[in-house]
Amino acid sequence: MSQQQQASGDGGGGGRPRKYSDEELLSWIDAYVREFGFVPSCYVAKEWPGPSYSTYNNRFGGWIPAVRKAGYEPQGERGGESE
């Protein structure tokens, strides 16, 4: 992920969280796959410096639908927390 993307994450700094377009949200998933070579799990997404996990839930209805919309198949997700 670029430094610009990391600097614009949801958390920290007070104020209002940044509003991401669907394309920007999906590009974070794509950038992660390109950088690390695997599809991030929902657990990874909860810890990364980018858009918050809840942003993906609110926009796409869960992590798995967001990953699929980005063009990937979720890996090793289990029920409950993954959506």
N, C-alpha and C. Protein backbone atom coordinates (compact mmCIF):
# COMPACT_ATOMS: atom_id res chain seq x y z
N MET A 1 0.82 -1.17 0.00
CA MET A 1 0.00 0.00 0.00
C MET A 1 0.87 1.24 0.00
N SER A 2 0.46 2.26 -0.69
CA SER A 2 1.27 3.46 -0.78
C SER A 2 1.24 4.22 0.54
N GLN A 3 2.22 5.10 0.72
CA GLN A 3 2.24 5.92 1.92
C GLN A 3 1.02 6.82 1.96
N GLN A 4 0.58 7.28 0.80
CA GLN A 4 -0.61 8.12 0.75
C GLN A 4 -1.82 7.35 1.26
N GLN A 5 -1.97 6.09 0.84
CA GLN A 5 -3.08 5.30 1.32
C GLN A 5 -2.97 5.08 2.82
N GLN A 6 -1.77 4.80 3.31
CA GLN A 6 -1.58 4.57 4.73
C GLN A 6 -1.90 5.82 5.53
N ALA A 7 -1.52 6.97 5.01
CA ALA A 7 -1.74 8.22 5.72
C ALA A 7 -3.21 8.61 5.76
N SER A 8 -4.01 8.04 4.89
CA SER A 8 -5.41 8.45 4.82
C SER A 8 -6.36 7.43 5.44
N GLY A 9 -5.85 6.57 6.31
CA GLY A 9 -6.69 5.57 6.96
C GLY A 9 -7.77 6.20 7.81
N ASP A 10 -8.76 5.40 8.17
CA ASP A 10 -9.90 5.89 8.94
C ASP A 10 -9.54 6.32 10.35
N GLY A 11 -8.74 5.54 11.02
CA GLY A 11 -8.55 5.74 12.44
C GLY A 11 -7.61 6.86 12.79
N GLY A 12 -7.69 7.29 14.04
CA GLY A 12 -6.74 8.23 14.59
C GLY A 12 -6.92 9.66 14.13
N GLY A 13 -6.25 10.55 14.83
CA GLY A 13 -6.20 11.93 14.43
C GLY A 13 -7.45 12.74 14.73
N GLY A 14 -8.47 12.14 15.28
CA GLY A 14 -9.70 12.87 15.56
C GLY A 14 -10.40 13.32 14.30
N GLY A 15 -11.41 14.10 14.46
CA GLY A 15 -12.14 14.60 13.30
C GLY A 15 -12.95 13.51 12.62
N ARG A 16 -13.45 13.86 11.47
CA ARG A 16 -14.29 12.93 10.73
C ARG A 16 -13.47 11.93 9.93
N PRO A 17 -13.91 10.67 9.90
CA PRO A 17 -13.21 9.69 9.07
C PRO A 17 -13.33 10.06 7.60
N ARG A 18 -12.35 9.68 6.85
CA ARG A 18 -12.33 9.94 5.42
C ARG A 18 -13.44 9.16 4.73
N LYS A 19 -14.05 9.74 3.73
CA LYS A 19 -15.08 9.07 2.93
C LYS A 19 -14.40 8.46 1.71
N TYR A 20 -14.46 7.14 1.60
CA TYR A 20 -13.84 6.41 0.51
C TYR A 20 -14.88 6.07 -0.56
N SER A 21 -14.48 6.12 -1.81
CA SER A 21 -15.33 5.61 -2.88
C SER A 21 -15.25 4.09 -2.87
N ASP A 22 -16.21 3.43 -3.50
CA ASP A 22 -16.14 1.97 -3.61
C ASP A 22 -14.84 1.55 -4.27
N GLU A 23 -14.44 2.27 -5.30
CA GLU A 23 -13.20 1.94 -6.02
C GLU A 23 -11.99 2.03 -5.10
N GLU A 24 -11.93 3.05 -4.26
CA GLU A 24 -10.80 3.18 -3.33
C GLU A 24 -10.78 2.04 -2.32
N LEU A 25 -11.95 1.69 -1.81
CA LEU A 25 -12.02 0.58 -0.85
C LEU A 25 -11.52 -0.72 -1.48
N LEU A 26 -11.98 -0.99 -2.68
CA LEU A 26 -11.57 -2.22 -3.35
C LEU A 26 -10.11 -2.18 -3.74
N SER A 27 -9.59 -0.99 -4.03
CA SER A 27 -8.17 -0.89 -4.39
C SER A 27 -7.27 -1.22 -3.20
N TRP A 28 -7.75 -1.00 -1.97
CA TRP A 28 -6.96 -1.39 -0.80
C TRP A 28 -6.79 -2.91 -0.76
N ILE A 29 -7.86 -3.63 -1.06
CA ILE A 29 -7.78 -5.09 -1.09
C ILE A 29 -6.82 -5.53 -2.18
N ASP A 30 -6.95 -4.94 -3.35
CA ASP A 30 -6.08 -5.27 -4.47
C ASP A 30 -4.61 -4.97 -4.15
N ALA A 31 -4.36 -3.82 -3.55
CA ALA A 31 -2.99 -3.45 -3.19
C ALA A 31 -2.40 -4.44 -2.19
N TYR A 32 -3.21 -4.89 -1.25
CA TYR A 32 -2.73 -5.86 -0.27
C TYR A 32 -2.34 -7.16 -0.96
N VAL A 33 -3.20 -7.63 -1.85
CA VAL A 33 -2.90 -8.88 -2.57
C VAL A 33 -1.62 -8.73 -3.38
N ARG A 34 -1.46 -7.61 -4.05
CA ARG A 34 -0.25 -7.39 -4.86
C ARG A 34 1.01 -7.34 -3.99
N GLU A 35 0.90 -6.70 -2.84
CA GLU A 35 2.07 -6.55 -1.98
C GLU A 35 2.44 -7.82 -1.23
N PHE A 36 1.44 -8.55 -0.73
CA PHE A 36 1.72 -9.70 0.13
C PHE A 36 1.47 -11.05 -0.51
N GLY A 37 0.80 -11.07 -1.66
CA GLY A 37 0.64 -12.31 -2.40
C GLY A 37 -0.50 -13.20 -1.94
N PHE A 38 -1.38 -12.69 -1.09
CA PHE A 38 -2.53 -13.48 -0.68
C PHE A 38 -3.69 -12.55 -0.32
N VAL A 39 -4.89 -13.10 -0.36
CA VAL A 39 -6.09 -12.34 -0.04
C VAL A 39 -6.16 -12.16 1.48
N PRO A 40 -6.31 -10.93 1.95
CA PRO A 40 -6.36 -10.72 3.39
C PRO A 40 -7.66 -11.25 4.00
N SER A 41 -7.54 -11.79 5.18
CA SER A 41 -8.73 -12.22 5.92
C SER A 41 -9.35 -11.02 6.61
N CYS A 42 -10.52 -11.21 7.14
CA CYS A 42 -11.15 -10.12 7.89
C CYS A 42 -10.30 -9.74 9.11
N TYR A 43 -9.56 -10.69 9.66
CA TYR A 43 -8.72 -10.41 10.81
C TYR A 43 -7.57 -9.49 10.45
N VAL A 44 -7.02 -9.66 9.26
CA VAL A 44 -5.97 -8.78 8.77
C VAL A 44 -6.54 -7.38 8.56
N ALA A 45 -7.72 -7.31 7.95
CA ALA A 45 -8.35 -6.02 7.66
C ALA A 45 -8.63 -5.22 8.92
N LYS A 46 -8.86 -5.90 10.02
CA LYS A 46 -9.13 -5.20 11.27
C LYS A 46 -7.88 -4.52 11.82
N GLU A 47 -6.70 -4.92 11.34
CA GLU A 47 -5.45 -4.41 11.87
C GLU A 47 -4.68 -3.51 10.90
N TRP A 48 -5.10 -3.43 9.64
CA TRP A 48 -4.30 -2.68 8.69
C TRP A 48 -4.53 -1.18 8.80
N PRO A 49 -3.64 -0.38 8.18
CA PRO A 49 -3.72 1.08 8.33
C PRO A 49 -4.73 1.74 7.41
N GLY A 50 -5.45 0.97 6.63
CA GLY A 50 -6.37 1.53 5.65
C GLY A 50 -7.77 1.73 6.18
N PRO A 51 -8.73 1.73 5.29
CA PRO A 51 -10.12 1.91 5.69
C PRO A 51 -10.51 0.88 6.74
N SER A 52 -11.37 1.29 7.65
CA SER A 52 -11.73 0.41 8.74
C SER A 52 -12.56 -0.78 8.27
N TYR A 53 -12.47 -1.83 9.04
CA TYR A 53 -13.25 -3.04 8.78
C TYR A 53 -14.74 -2.71 8.70
N SER A 54 -15.19 -1.85 9.61
CA SER A 54 -16.62 -1.51 9.63
C SER A 54 -17.03 -0.75 8.37
N THR A 55 -16.11 0.00 7.76
CA THR A 55 -16.41 0.68 6.50
C THR A 55 -16.77 -0.34 5.42
N TYR A 56 -16.00 -1.43 5.35
CA TYR A 56 -16.30 -2.49 4.38
C TYR A 56 -17.63 -3.16 4.69
N ASN A 57 -17.90 -3.40 5.96
CA ASN A 57 -19.18 -4.00 6.35
C ASN A 57 -20.35 -3.11 5.95
N ASN A 58 -20.23 -1.84 6.24
CA ASN A 58 -21.31 -0.91 5.92
C ASN A 58 -21.52 -0.75 4.42
N ARG A 59 -20.44 -0.72 3.67
CA ARG A 59 -20.55 -0.46 2.24
C ARG A 59 -20.93 -1.69 1.43
N PHE A 60 -20.35 -2.85 1.78
CA PHE A 60 -20.52 -4.05 0.96
C PHE A 60 -21.32 -5.15 1.65
N GLY A 61 -21.68 -4.95 2.90
CA GLY A 61 -22.45 -5.96 3.60
C GLY A 61 -21.60 -7.04 4.23
N GLY A 62 -20.30 -6.82 4.34
CA GLY A 62 -19.40 -7.78 4.96
C GLY A 62 -18.06 -7.81 4.24
N TRP A 63 -17.12 -8.47 4.89
CA TRP A 63 -15.78 -8.57 4.32
C TRP A 63 -15.75 -9.47 3.09
N ILE A 64 -16.40 -10.62 3.17
CA ILE A 64 -16.40 -11.57 2.04
C ILE A 64 -17.00 -10.94 0.79
N PRO A 65 -18.15 -10.28 0.87
CA PRO A 65 -18.66 -9.63 -0.34
C PRO A 65 -17.71 -8.57 -0.90
N ALA A 66 -17.00 -7.86 -0.03
CA ALA A 66 -16.04 -6.85 -0.49
C ALA A 66 -14.89 -7.51 -1.24
N VAL A 67 -14.37 -8.60 -0.68
CA VAL A 67 -13.27 -9.32 -1.34
C VAL A 67 -13.71 -9.84 -2.71
N ARG A 68 -14.90 -10.38 -2.77
CA ARG A 68 -15.42 -10.88 -4.05
C ARG A 68 -15.63 -9.75 -5.05
N LYS A 69 -16.13 -8.62 -4.58
CA LYS A 69 -16.33 -7.46 -5.46
C LYS A 69 -14.99 -6.95 -6.00
N ALA A 70 -13.92 -7.14 -5.22
CA ALA A 70 -12.58 -6.75 -5.66
C ALA A 70 -12.01 -7.75 -6.67
N GLY A 71 -12.71 -8.86 -6.88
CA GLY A 71 -12.28 -9.83 -7.87
C GLY A 71 -11.49 -11.00 -7.32
N TYR A 72 -11.57 -11.21 -6.01
CA TYR A 72 -10.83 -12.29 -5.38
C TYR A 72 -11.79 -13.23 -4.66
N GLU A 73 -11.29 -14.41 -4.38
CA GLU A 73 -12.05 -15.39 -3.60
C GLU A 73 -11.47 -15.40 -2.19
N PRO A 74 -12.30 -15.20 -1.18
CA PRO A 74 -11.81 -15.21 0.21
C PRO A 74 -11.12 -16.54 0.52
N GLN A 75 -10.05 -16.46 1.27
CA GLN A 75 -9.28 -17.64 1.63
C GLN A 75 -9.42 -17.92 3.12
N GLY A 76 -9.80 -19.16 3.43
CA GLY A 76 -9.79 -19.62 4.82
C GLY A 76 -10.73 -18.89 5.75
N GLU A 77 -11.76 -18.28 5.24
CA GLU A 77 -12.71 -17.59 6.12
C GLU A 77 -13.61 -18.62 6.78
N ARG A 78 -13.95 -18.33 8.03
CA ARG A 78 -14.90 -19.17 8.76
C ARG A 78 -16.11 -18.31 9.07
N GLY A 79 -17.19 -18.94 9.40
CA GLY A 79 -18.43 -18.20 9.70
C GLY A 79 -18.26 -17.18 10.78
N GLY A 80 -19.31 -16.47 11.05
CA GLY A 80 -19.29 -15.49 12.13
C GLY A 80 -18.50 -14.25 11.79
N GLU A 81 -17.26 -14.17 12.27
CA GLU A 81 -16.42 -13.00 12.13
C GLU A 81 -16.12 -12.61 10.69
N SER A 82 -16.19 -13.54 9.76
CA SER A 82 -15.78 -13.24 8.39
C SER A 82 -16.77 -12.36 7.65
N GLU A 83 -17.98 -12.31 8.11
CA GLU A 83 -18.97 -11.48 7.43
C GLU A 83 -19.29 -10.35 8.35
